[in-house]
Amino acid sequence: MKTLILNGSPRRSGDTAALLDVLKAHLDGDIYEVSCYYDDISPCIDCRCCRTEMACPIDDSMQDVYRYIEECDNAVIASPIYFNELTGKLLDTASRLQMYFSARFFRHEDTPIREKRGGVILAGGGDGDPDRAYSTARILLHHINTTQVFPLVCSHSTETLPAAEDAQAAAAVQALADFLNRNRQL
């Protein structure tokens, strides 16, 4: 089993990382984690190449991510909540999913992406709300053929309770891992 994680956090030891550590400790199979802040992935430049062919001409690490998206069994989006939304760097990386959107909506073609299960892990505090970020993440998962999505996992009081100490969030992450591990064949 293969799981793709799109990690939208700039902090390698922050709240999102703490929750991802729990997930990775309980996941079976191979894990490919994309660090949107540190991997060599440029945002979409709207060149429109993908409107006529299943290709993106930007030659960076996203080419490897495309291959993994197409063959993986699971996909997880993990991010801090910034102004009620996913982080900008995660959205930059996600903009490159335009290739799959264009296949469906401009060229009217099926994409080569296998059906998968997925989940969303969010962390944040203050007066922010996870609903918009969760909605955006679900749209992104839809465009990479994620047909079954686990309910939102969120540690949302990190200003007073770090995610690493949030037992309820840790239990939800373990339940997400169990859900993903059951994905033998959809």
N, C-alpha and C. Protein backbone atom coordinates (compact mmCIF):
# COMPACT_ATOMS: atom_id res chain seq x y z
N MET A 1 0.84 -1.17 0.00
CA MET A 1 0.00 0.00 0.00
C MET A 1 0.89 1.24 0.00
N LYS A 2 0.46 2.27 -0.72
CA LYS A 2 1.22 3.51 -0.84
C LYS A 2 0.36 4.69 -0.41
N THR A 3 0.97 5.58 0.38
CA THR A 3 0.27 6.76 0.87
C THR A 3 1.07 8.01 0.53
N LEU A 4 0.38 8.97 -0.07
CA LEU A 4 0.95 10.28 -0.34
C LEU A 4 0.50 11.24 0.75
N ILE A 5 1.46 12.00 1.30
CA ILE A 5 1.14 13.04 2.27
C ILE A 5 1.60 14.37 1.70
N LEU A 6 0.68 15.31 1.56
CA LEU A 6 1.02 16.68 1.19
C LEU A 6 1.07 17.48 2.48
N ASN A 7 2.29 17.81 2.90
CA ASN A 7 2.51 18.51 4.17
C ASN A 7 2.69 20.00 3.90
N GLY A 8 1.73 20.80 4.33
CA GLY A 8 1.76 22.23 4.10
C GLY A 8 2.36 23.04 5.22
N SER A 9 3.08 22.43 6.13
CA SER A 9 3.63 23.16 7.27
C SER A 9 5.07 23.61 7.03
N PRO A 10 5.38 24.85 7.43
CA PRO A 10 6.77 25.30 7.36
C PRO A 10 7.62 24.82 8.53
N ARG A 11 6.97 24.35 9.60
CA ARG A 11 7.68 23.97 10.83
C ARG A 11 7.88 22.46 10.87
N ARG A 12 9.13 22.05 10.81
CA ARG A 12 9.46 20.62 10.80
C ARG A 12 9.16 19.92 12.12
N SER A 13 9.02 20.68 13.19
CA SER A 13 8.72 20.09 14.50
C SER A 13 7.51 20.74 15.15
N GLY A 14 6.61 21.25 14.34
CA GLY A 14 5.43 21.97 14.85
C GLY A 14 4.25 21.04 15.10
N ASP A 15 3.10 21.66 15.21
CA ASP A 15 1.88 20.93 15.52
C ASP A 15 1.47 19.97 14.41
N THR A 16 1.56 20.41 13.17
CA THR A 16 1.21 19.53 12.05
C THR A 16 2.17 18.34 12.01
N ALA A 17 3.45 18.60 12.21
CA ALA A 17 4.44 17.52 12.22
C ALA A 17 4.16 16.51 13.33
N ALA A 18 3.73 16.99 14.48
CA ALA A 18 3.42 16.08 15.60
C ALA A 18 2.29 15.13 15.22
N LEU A 19 1.27 15.65 14.57
CA LEU A 19 0.16 14.80 14.15
C LEU A 19 0.58 13.84 13.03
N LEU A 20 1.42 14.33 12.12
CA LEU A 20 1.91 13.45 11.06
C LEU A 20 2.81 12.34 11.60
N ASP A 21 3.56 12.63 12.65
CA ASP A 21 4.38 11.58 13.27
C ASP A 21 3.50 10.44 13.77
N VAL A 22 2.37 10.78 14.37
CA VAL A 22 1.44 9.75 14.85
C VAL A 22 0.90 8.96 13.65
N LEU A 23 0.51 9.66 12.60
CA LEU A 23 -0.03 8.98 11.41
C LEU A 23 1.01 8.03 10.83
N LYS A 24 2.21 8.51 10.61
CA LYS A 24 3.24 7.68 9.97
C LYS A 24 3.62 6.48 10.84
N ALA A 25 3.52 6.62 12.15
CA ALA A 25 3.83 5.50 13.04
C ALA A 25 2.79 4.38 12.93
N HIS A 26 1.59 4.71 12.46
CA HIS A 26 0.51 3.72 12.39
C HIS A 26 0.14 3.30 10.97
N LEU A 27 0.74 3.89 9.96
CA LEU A 27 0.42 3.55 8.58
C LEU A 27 1.22 2.34 8.11
N ASP A 28 0.57 1.48 7.35
CA ASP A 28 1.24 0.36 6.69
C ASP A 28 1.77 0.82 5.33
N GLY A 29 2.77 0.14 4.83
CA GLY A 29 3.23 0.36 3.47
C GLY A 29 4.17 1.54 3.30
N ASP A 30 4.32 1.95 2.04
CA ASP A 30 5.22 3.04 1.68
C ASP A 30 4.54 4.39 1.88
N ILE A 31 5.33 5.37 2.30
CA ILE A 31 4.84 6.73 2.52
C ILE A 31 5.73 7.68 1.73
N TYR A 32 5.10 8.53 0.95
CA TYR A 32 5.82 9.58 0.22
C TYR A 32 5.29 10.92 0.73
N GLU A 33 6.12 11.61 1.49
CA GLU A 33 5.70 12.89 2.06
C GLU A 33 6.29 14.04 1.26
N VAL A 34 5.42 14.90 0.77
CA VAL A 34 5.83 16.11 0.06
C VAL A 34 5.82 17.25 1.06
N SER A 35 6.97 17.89 1.23
CA SER A 35 7.07 19.06 2.10
C SER A 35 6.93 20.30 1.22
N CYS A 36 5.76 20.89 1.23
CA CYS A 36 5.46 21.99 0.31
C CYS A 36 6.38 23.19 0.51
N TYR A 37 6.92 23.37 1.70
CA TYR A 37 7.82 24.49 1.96
C TYR A 37 9.27 24.20 1.55
N TYR A 38 9.65 22.95 1.51
CA TYR A 38 11.07 22.63 1.32
C TYR A 38 11.38 21.85 0.05
N ASP A 39 10.40 21.19 -0.56
CA ASP A 39 10.66 20.47 -1.80
C ASP A 39 10.68 21.44 -2.98
N ASP A 40 11.34 21.04 -4.02
CA ASP A 40 11.50 21.87 -5.21
C ASP A 40 10.27 21.75 -6.11
N ILE A 41 9.20 22.47 -5.73
CA ILE A 41 7.96 22.47 -6.51
C ILE A 41 7.51 23.90 -6.70
N SER A 42 7.45 24.31 -7.94
CA SER A 42 6.99 25.66 -8.29
C SER A 42 5.47 25.66 -8.44
N PRO A 43 4.84 26.81 -8.29
CA PRO A 43 3.40 26.87 -8.53
C PRO A 43 3.09 26.83 -10.03
N CYS A 44 1.86 26.56 -10.36
CA CYS A 44 1.39 26.60 -11.74
C CYS A 44 1.59 28.02 -12.28
N ILE A 45 2.03 28.11 -13.54
CA ILE A 45 2.23 29.42 -14.17
C ILE A 45 1.18 29.67 -15.26
N ASP A 46 0.15 28.87 -15.29
CA ASP A 46 -0.96 29.01 -16.24
C ASP A 46 -0.48 29.07 -17.68
N CYS A 47 0.47 28.20 -18.03
CA CYS A 47 0.97 28.14 -19.41
C CYS A 47 -0.03 27.48 -20.34
N ARG A 48 -0.94 26.71 -19.77
CA ARG A 48 -2.04 26.04 -20.47
C ARG A 48 -1.62 24.87 -21.34
N CYS A 49 -0.42 24.40 -21.16
CA CYS A 49 0.04 23.20 -21.86
C CYS A 49 -0.89 22.03 -21.55
N CYS A 50 -1.32 21.91 -20.30
CA CYS A 50 -2.14 20.77 -19.89
C CYS A 50 -3.56 20.83 -20.47
N ARG A 51 -3.91 21.91 -21.09
CA ARG A 51 -5.22 21.96 -21.76
C ARG A 51 -5.23 21.14 -23.04
N THR A 52 -4.06 20.87 -23.59
CA THR A 52 -4.00 20.11 -24.84
C THR A 52 -3.33 18.75 -24.69
N GLU A 53 -2.60 18.53 -23.60
CA GLU A 53 -1.95 17.23 -23.39
C GLU A 53 -1.78 16.96 -21.90
N MET A 54 -1.65 15.68 -21.55
CA MET A 54 -1.48 15.29 -20.15
C MET A 54 -0.02 15.48 -19.78
N ALA A 55 0.36 16.75 -19.58
CA ALA A 55 1.75 17.06 -19.25
C ALA A 55 1.81 18.43 -18.60
N CYS A 56 2.84 18.57 -17.78
CA CYS A 56 3.18 19.87 -17.20
C CYS A 56 4.64 20.11 -17.56
N PRO A 57 4.94 21.21 -18.24
CA PRO A 57 6.32 21.44 -18.70
C PRO A 57 7.29 21.91 -17.61
N ILE A 58 6.79 22.20 -16.42
CA ILE A 58 7.68 22.64 -15.34
C ILE A 58 8.45 21.42 -14.85
N ASP A 59 9.75 21.43 -15.02
CA ASP A 59 10.60 20.29 -14.69
C ASP A 59 11.15 20.45 -13.27
N ASP A 60 10.40 19.94 -12.32
CA ASP A 60 10.80 20.01 -10.91
C ASP A 60 10.32 18.74 -10.21
N SER A 61 10.33 18.74 -8.91
CA SER A 61 9.97 17.53 -8.13
C SER A 61 8.51 17.12 -8.30
N MET A 62 7.69 18.00 -8.81
CA MET A 62 6.28 17.65 -9.00
C MET A 62 6.13 16.51 -10.01
N GLN A 63 7.08 16.34 -10.90
CA GLN A 63 6.99 15.24 -11.86
C GLN A 63 6.98 13.89 -11.13
N ASP A 64 7.76 13.76 -10.05
CA ASP A 64 7.74 12.55 -9.23
C ASP A 64 6.42 12.43 -8.46
N VAL A 65 5.91 13.57 -7.99
CA VAL A 65 4.65 13.57 -7.26
C VAL A 65 3.52 13.10 -8.17
N TYR A 66 3.50 13.57 -9.42
CA TYR A 66 2.47 13.11 -10.36
C TYR A 66 2.46 11.59 -10.46
N ARG A 67 3.62 10.99 -10.62
CA ARG A 67 3.70 9.52 -10.74
C ARG A 67 3.13 8.86 -9.47
N TYR A 68 3.47 9.43 -8.32
CA TYR A 68 2.99 8.83 -7.07
C TYR A 68 1.48 9.02 -6.92
N ILE A 69 0.98 10.19 -7.29
CA ILE A 69 -0.47 10.43 -7.23
C ILE A 69 -1.21 9.38 -8.04
N GLU A 70 -0.69 9.06 -9.20
CA GLU A 70 -1.37 8.15 -10.10
C GLU A 70 -1.39 6.71 -9.60
N GLU A 71 -0.42 6.32 -8.79
CA GLU A 71 -0.34 4.92 -8.36
C GLU A 71 -0.66 4.70 -6.88
N CYS A 72 -0.73 5.74 -6.07
CA CYS A 72 -0.92 5.53 -4.63
C CYS A 72 -2.34 5.12 -4.29
N ASP A 73 -2.47 4.51 -3.12
CA ASP A 73 -3.75 4.02 -2.63
C ASP A 73 -4.44 5.03 -1.72
N ASN A 74 -3.65 5.90 -1.11
CA ASN A 74 -4.16 6.86 -0.13
C ASN A 74 -3.52 8.23 -0.35
N ALA A 75 -4.26 9.27 0.06
CA ALA A 75 -3.72 10.62 0.02
C ALA A 75 -4.17 11.37 1.27
N VAL A 76 -3.23 12.08 1.89
CA VAL A 76 -3.52 12.86 3.08
C VAL A 76 -3.00 14.28 2.87
N ILE A 77 -3.84 15.24 3.19
CA ILE A 77 -3.44 16.64 3.17
C ILE A 77 -3.34 17.09 4.61
N ALA A 78 -2.18 17.63 4.98
CA ALA A 78 -1.95 18.09 6.36
C ALA A 78 -1.45 19.53 6.32
N SER A 79 -2.02 20.38 7.16
CA SER A 79 -1.65 21.79 7.10
C SER A 79 -2.01 22.51 8.38
N PRO A 80 -1.21 23.52 8.72
CA PRO A 80 -1.69 24.49 9.70
C PRO A 80 -2.82 25.29 9.06
N ILE A 81 -3.62 25.92 9.87
CA ILE A 81 -4.68 26.79 9.38
C ILE A 81 -4.16 28.23 9.43
N TYR A 82 -4.07 28.88 8.27
CA TYR A 82 -3.64 30.27 8.18
C TYR A 82 -4.82 31.09 7.66
N PHE A 83 -5.33 31.98 8.47
CA PHE A 83 -6.47 32.82 8.07
C PHE A 83 -7.61 31.98 7.51
N ASN A 84 -7.95 30.92 8.23
CA ASN A 84 -9.05 30.01 7.90
C ASN A 84 -8.80 29.17 6.64
N GLU A 85 -7.56 29.07 6.17
CA GLU A 85 -7.27 28.38 4.92
C GLU A 85 -6.02 27.53 5.06
N LEU A 86 -5.80 26.65 4.07
CA LEU A 86 -4.54 25.91 3.97
C LEU A 86 -3.42 26.91 3.75
N THR A 87 -2.18 26.51 4.01
CA THR A 87 -1.06 27.43 3.83
C THR A 87 -0.85 27.76 2.35
N GLY A 88 -0.24 28.91 2.12
CA GLY A 88 0.02 29.34 0.75
C GLY A 88 0.90 28.38 -0.02
N LYS A 89 1.93 27.85 0.61
CA LYS A 89 2.83 26.92 -0.08
C LYS A 89 2.11 25.62 -0.45
N LEU A 90 1.19 25.18 0.39
CA LEU A 90 0.40 24.00 0.04
C LEU A 90 -0.48 24.31 -1.17
N LEU A 91 -1.08 25.48 -1.17
CA LEU A 91 -1.91 25.87 -2.31
C LEU A 91 -1.07 26.05 -3.58
N ASP A 92 0.17 26.54 -3.45
CA ASP A 92 1.07 26.63 -4.60
C ASP A 92 1.29 25.23 -5.20
N THR A 93 1.60 24.27 -4.33
CA THR A 93 1.82 22.90 -4.80
C THR A 93 0.53 22.35 -5.41
N ALA A 94 -0.58 22.58 -4.76
CA ALA A 94 -1.86 22.08 -5.25
C ALA A 94 -2.25 22.70 -6.59
N SER A 95 -1.77 23.90 -6.87
CA SER A 95 -2.10 24.52 -8.16
C SER A 95 -1.60 23.67 -9.32
N ARG A 96 -0.60 22.86 -9.07
CA ARG A 96 -0.06 21.99 -10.12
C ARG A 96 -0.98 20.80 -10.42
N LEU A 97 -2.02 20.61 -9.64
CA LEU A 97 -3.02 19.59 -9.94
C LEU A 97 -3.89 20.02 -11.11
N GLN A 98 -3.67 21.22 -11.62
CA GLN A 98 -4.38 21.73 -12.78
C GLN A 98 -4.31 20.75 -13.95
N MET A 99 -3.23 20.00 -14.05
CA MET A 99 -3.07 19.03 -15.12
C MET A 99 -4.23 18.03 -15.12
N TYR A 100 -4.64 17.57 -13.95
CA TYR A 100 -5.73 16.62 -13.86
C TYR A 100 -7.09 17.29 -14.10
N PHE A 101 -7.23 18.49 -13.59
CA PHE A 101 -8.45 19.26 -13.82
C PHE A 101 -8.65 19.48 -15.33
N SER A 102 -7.58 19.86 -16.01
CA SER A 102 -7.65 20.12 -17.46
C SER A 102 -8.02 18.87 -18.24
N ALA A 103 -7.51 17.73 -17.83
CA ALA A 103 -7.85 16.48 -18.52
C ALA A 103 -9.36 16.25 -18.47
N ARG A 104 -9.95 16.46 -17.33
CA ARG A 104 -11.38 16.20 -17.17
C ARG A 104 -12.24 17.27 -17.82
N PHE A 105 -11.90 18.53 -17.61
CA PHE A 105 -12.83 19.60 -17.96
C PHE A 105 -12.54 20.31 -19.28
N PHE A 106 -11.34 20.19 -19.80
CA PHE A 106 -11.04 20.80 -21.09
C PHE A 106 -10.91 19.74 -22.19
N ARG A 107 -10.24 18.63 -21.88
CA ARG A 107 -10.02 17.59 -22.89
C ARG A 107 -11.04 16.46 -22.78
N HIS A 108 -11.84 16.45 -21.71
CA HIS A 108 -12.88 15.44 -21.49
C HIS A 108 -12.31 14.03 -21.53
N GLU A 109 -11.20 13.85 -20.84
CA GLU A 109 -10.52 12.56 -20.77
C GLU A 109 -10.50 12.06 -19.33
N ASP A 110 -10.46 10.76 -19.20
CA ASP A 110 -10.23 10.18 -17.88
C ASP A 110 -8.77 10.39 -17.51
N THR A 111 -8.53 10.51 -16.23
CA THR A 111 -7.14 10.64 -15.77
C THR A 111 -6.60 9.26 -15.41
N PRO A 112 -5.29 9.11 -15.42
CA PRO A 112 -4.69 7.80 -15.11
C PRO A 112 -4.54 7.56 -13.60
N ILE A 113 -5.34 8.23 -12.80
CA ILE A 113 -5.19 8.16 -11.34
C ILE A 113 -6.05 7.03 -10.78
N ARG A 114 -5.41 6.17 -10.01
CA ARG A 114 -6.19 5.11 -9.36
C ARG A 114 -7.05 5.70 -8.25
N GLU A 115 -8.16 5.05 -7.99
CA GLU A 115 -9.08 5.47 -6.94
C GLU A 115 -8.40 5.29 -5.59
N LYS A 116 -8.66 6.22 -4.67
CA LYS A 116 -7.98 6.16 -3.38
C LYS A 116 -8.86 6.65 -2.24
N ARG A 117 -8.39 6.35 -1.04
CA ARG A 117 -8.97 6.88 0.19
C ARG A 117 -8.12 8.05 0.65
N GLY A 118 -8.69 8.90 1.49
CA GLY A 118 -7.91 10.04 1.95
C GLY A 118 -8.37 10.60 3.27
N GLY A 119 -7.61 11.61 3.68
CA GLY A 119 -7.94 12.29 4.92
C GLY A 119 -7.30 13.66 4.95
N VAL A 120 -7.77 14.46 5.90
CA VAL A 120 -7.28 15.82 6.08
C VAL A 120 -6.94 16.00 7.55
N ILE A 121 -5.73 16.50 7.81
CA ILE A 121 -5.27 16.79 9.16
C ILE A 121 -4.95 18.28 9.22
N LEU A 122 -5.60 18.99 10.14
CA LEU A 122 -5.38 20.42 10.29
C LEU A 122 -4.99 20.74 11.73
N ALA A 123 -4.18 21.78 11.89
CA ALA A 123 -3.79 22.24 13.22
C ALA A 123 -3.84 23.75 13.24
N GLY A 124 -4.31 24.29 14.35
CA GLY A 124 -4.37 25.75 14.44
C GLY A 124 -4.94 26.19 15.76
N GLY A 125 -4.87 27.48 15.95
CA GLY A 125 -5.40 28.05 17.18
C GLY A 125 -5.96 29.43 16.93
N GLY A 126 -6.22 30.12 18.01
CA GLY A 126 -6.76 31.46 17.88
C GLY A 126 -8.21 31.43 17.47
N ASP A 127 -8.60 32.45 16.71
CA ASP A 127 -10.01 32.56 16.34
C ASP A 127 -10.31 32.03 14.94
N GLY A 128 -9.35 31.30 14.37
CA GLY A 128 -9.56 30.72 13.04
C GLY A 128 -10.57 29.58 13.07
N ASP A 129 -11.04 29.23 11.90
CA ASP A 129 -12.04 28.19 11.75
C ASP A 129 -11.53 27.19 10.71
N PRO A 130 -11.62 25.89 10.97
CA PRO A 130 -11.08 24.91 10.02
C PRO A 130 -11.99 24.61 8.82
N ASP A 131 -13.22 25.09 8.81
CA ASP A 131 -14.17 24.68 7.78
C ASP A 131 -13.72 25.01 6.36
N ARG A 132 -13.24 26.22 6.12
CA ARG A 132 -12.83 26.60 4.76
C ARG A 132 -11.61 25.79 4.32
N ALA A 133 -10.64 25.62 5.21
CA ALA A 133 -9.45 24.84 4.87
C ALA A 133 -9.83 23.39 4.56
N TYR A 134 -10.75 22.84 5.34
CA TYR A 134 -11.20 21.47 5.10
C TYR A 134 -11.92 21.36 3.76
N SER A 135 -12.75 22.33 3.44
CA SER A 135 -13.45 22.33 2.16
C SER A 135 -12.47 22.38 0.99
N THR A 136 -11.48 23.23 1.09
CA THR A 136 -10.46 23.32 0.03
C THR A 136 -9.71 22.00 -0.10
N ALA A 137 -9.32 21.42 1.02
CA ALA A 137 -8.59 20.14 0.99
C ALA A 137 -9.43 19.05 0.34
N ARG A 138 -10.71 19.03 0.62
CA ARG A 138 -11.59 18.01 0.01
C ARG A 138 -11.69 18.19 -1.50
N ILE A 139 -11.71 19.43 -1.96
CA ILE A 139 -11.73 19.68 -3.41
C ILE A 139 -10.45 19.14 -4.04
N LEU A 140 -9.31 19.41 -3.40
CA LEU A 140 -8.03 18.91 -3.92
C LEU A 140 -8.01 17.39 -3.95
N LEU A 141 -8.48 16.76 -2.89
CA LEU A 141 -8.53 15.30 -2.85
C LEU A 141 -9.42 14.75 -3.97
N HIS A 142 -10.52 15.42 -4.21
CA HIS A 142 -11.44 15.00 -5.29
C HIS A 142 -10.71 14.98 -6.63
N HIS A 143 -9.88 15.99 -6.89
CA HIS A 143 -9.21 16.08 -8.18
C HIS A 143 -8.09 15.06 -8.36
N ILE A 144 -7.72 14.36 -7.29
CA ILE A 144 -6.75 13.27 -7.44
C ILE A 144 -7.43 11.92 -7.17
N ASN A 145 -8.74 11.89 -7.43
CA ASN A 145 -9.55 10.67 -7.41
C ASN A 145 -9.66 10.01 -6.04
N THR A 146 -9.77 10.83 -5.02
CA THR A 146 -10.00 10.32 -3.67
C THR A 146 -11.51 10.22 -3.48
N THR A 147 -12.00 9.00 -3.46
CA THR A 147 -13.45 8.78 -3.44
C THR A 147 -14.02 8.59 -2.04
N GLN A 148 -13.16 8.23 -1.10
CA GLN A 148 -13.61 8.06 0.29
C GLN A 148 -12.71 8.91 1.19
N VAL A 149 -13.31 9.85 1.90
CA VAL A 149 -12.54 10.76 2.74
C VAL A 149 -12.98 10.58 4.19
N PHE A 150 -12.00 10.34 5.05
CA PHE A 150 -12.22 10.21 6.49
C PHE A 150 -12.66 11.57 7.04
N PRO A 151 -13.48 11.59 8.09
CA PRO A 151 -13.87 12.88 8.69
C PRO A 151 -12.64 13.69 9.14
N LEU A 152 -12.77 14.99 9.13
CA LEU A 152 -11.69 15.90 9.48
C LEU A 152 -11.03 15.54 10.80
N VAL A 153 -9.70 15.54 10.79
CA VAL A 153 -8.90 15.41 12.01
C VAL A 153 -8.30 16.78 12.27
N CYS A 154 -8.57 17.34 13.46
CA CYS A 154 -8.13 18.71 13.72
C CYS A 154 -7.74 18.89 15.18
N SER A 155 -6.58 19.48 15.37
CA SER A 155 -6.17 19.96 16.70
C SER A 155 -6.32 21.47 16.62
N HIS A 156 -7.37 21.99 17.24
CA HIS A 156 -7.71 23.39 16.98
C HIS A 156 -7.64 24.30 18.20
N SER A 157 -6.80 23.99 19.13
CA SER A 157 -6.57 24.90 20.27
C SER A 157 -5.09 24.93 20.58
N THR A 158 -4.28 24.96 19.53
CA THR A 158 -2.84 24.80 19.71
C THR A 158 -2.19 25.97 20.45
N GLU A 159 -2.90 27.07 20.59
CA GLU A 159 -2.34 28.18 21.38
C GLU A 159 -2.35 27.85 22.87
N THR A 160 -3.19 26.92 23.28
CA THR A 160 -3.23 26.51 24.69
C THR A 160 -2.87 25.04 24.90
N LEU A 161 -3.06 24.21 23.87
CA LEU A 161 -2.77 22.78 23.95
C LEU A 161 -2.02 22.37 22.69
N PRO A 162 -0.71 22.21 22.77
CA PRO A 162 0.04 21.78 21.58
C PRO A 162 -0.51 20.46 21.03
N ALA A 163 -0.47 20.32 19.72
CA ALA A 163 -1.01 19.11 19.09
C ALA A 163 -0.36 17.85 19.63
N ALA A 164 0.92 17.92 19.99
CA ALA A 164 1.62 16.76 20.54
C ALA A 164 1.01 16.29 21.86
N GLU A 165 0.25 17.17 22.53
CA GLU A 165 -0.38 16.83 23.81
C GLU A 165 -1.89 16.64 23.67
N ASP A 166 -2.40 16.75 22.47
CA ASP A 166 -3.84 16.67 22.22
C ASP A 166 -4.24 15.20 22.02
N ALA A 167 -4.66 14.55 23.10
CA ALA A 167 -4.97 13.12 23.06
C ALA A 167 -6.14 12.82 22.12
N GLN A 168 -7.12 13.71 22.06
CA GLN A 168 -8.27 13.50 21.18
C GLN A 168 -7.83 13.54 19.71
N ALA A 169 -6.98 14.48 19.36
CA ALA A 169 -6.47 14.56 17.98
C ALA A 169 -5.61 13.34 17.66
N ALA A 170 -4.79 12.90 18.59
CA ALA A 170 -3.95 11.72 18.37
C ALA A 170 -4.81 10.48 18.13
N ALA A 171 -5.88 10.34 18.90
CA ALA A 171 -6.79 9.20 18.70
C ALA A 171 -7.46 9.28 17.33
N ALA A 172 -7.82 10.48 16.89
CA ALA A 172 -8.44 10.65 15.58
C ALA A 172 -7.44 10.33 14.46
N VAL A 173 -6.18 10.70 14.65
CA VAL A 173 -5.14 10.37 13.66
C VAL A 173 -4.96 8.86 13.58
N GLN A 174 -4.96 8.18 14.70
CA GLN A 174 -4.84 6.72 14.70
C GLN A 174 -6.04 6.09 13.98
N ALA A 175 -7.23 6.64 14.19
CA ALA A 175 -8.42 6.14 13.49
C ALA A 175 -8.29 6.38 11.99
N LEU A 176 -7.73 7.52 11.60
CA LEU A 176 -7.47 7.79 10.18
C LEU A 176 -6.51 6.75 9.61
N ALA A 177 -5.45 6.45 10.33
CA ALA A 177 -4.49 5.43 9.87
C ALA A 177 -5.18 4.08 9.70
N ASP A 178 -6.04 3.70 10.65
CA ASP A 178 -6.78 2.44 10.53
C ASP A 178 -7.65 2.44 9.27
N PHE A 179 -8.33 3.55 9.00
CA PHE A 179 -9.16 3.70 7.81
C PHE A 179 -8.33 3.53 6.54
N LEU A 180 -7.18 4.18 6.50
CA LEU A 180 -6.31 4.08 5.32
C LEU A 180 -5.71 2.69 5.16
N ASN A 181 -5.36 2.05 6.28
CA ASN A 181 -4.78 0.71 6.23
C ASN A 181 -5.76 -0.34 5.72
N ARG A 182 -7.04 -0.07 5.81
CA ARG A 182 -8.06 -1.00 5.30
C ARG A 182 -8.21 -0.90 3.79
N ASN A 183 -7.49 0.01 3.17
CA ASN A 183 -7.62 0.26 1.73
C ASN A 183 -6.81 -0.74 0.93
N ARG A 184 -7.22 -1.97 0.92
CA ARG A 184 -6.50 -2.98 0.16
C ARG A 184 -6.79 -2.84 -1.33
N GLN A 185 -8.03 -2.79 -1.68
CA GLN A 185 -8.46 -2.53 -3.06
C GLN A 185 -9.86 -1.94 -2.97
N LEU A 186 -10.06 -0.79 -3.59
CA LEU A 186 -11.38 -0.18 -3.60
C LEU A 186 -12.24 -0.81 -4.68
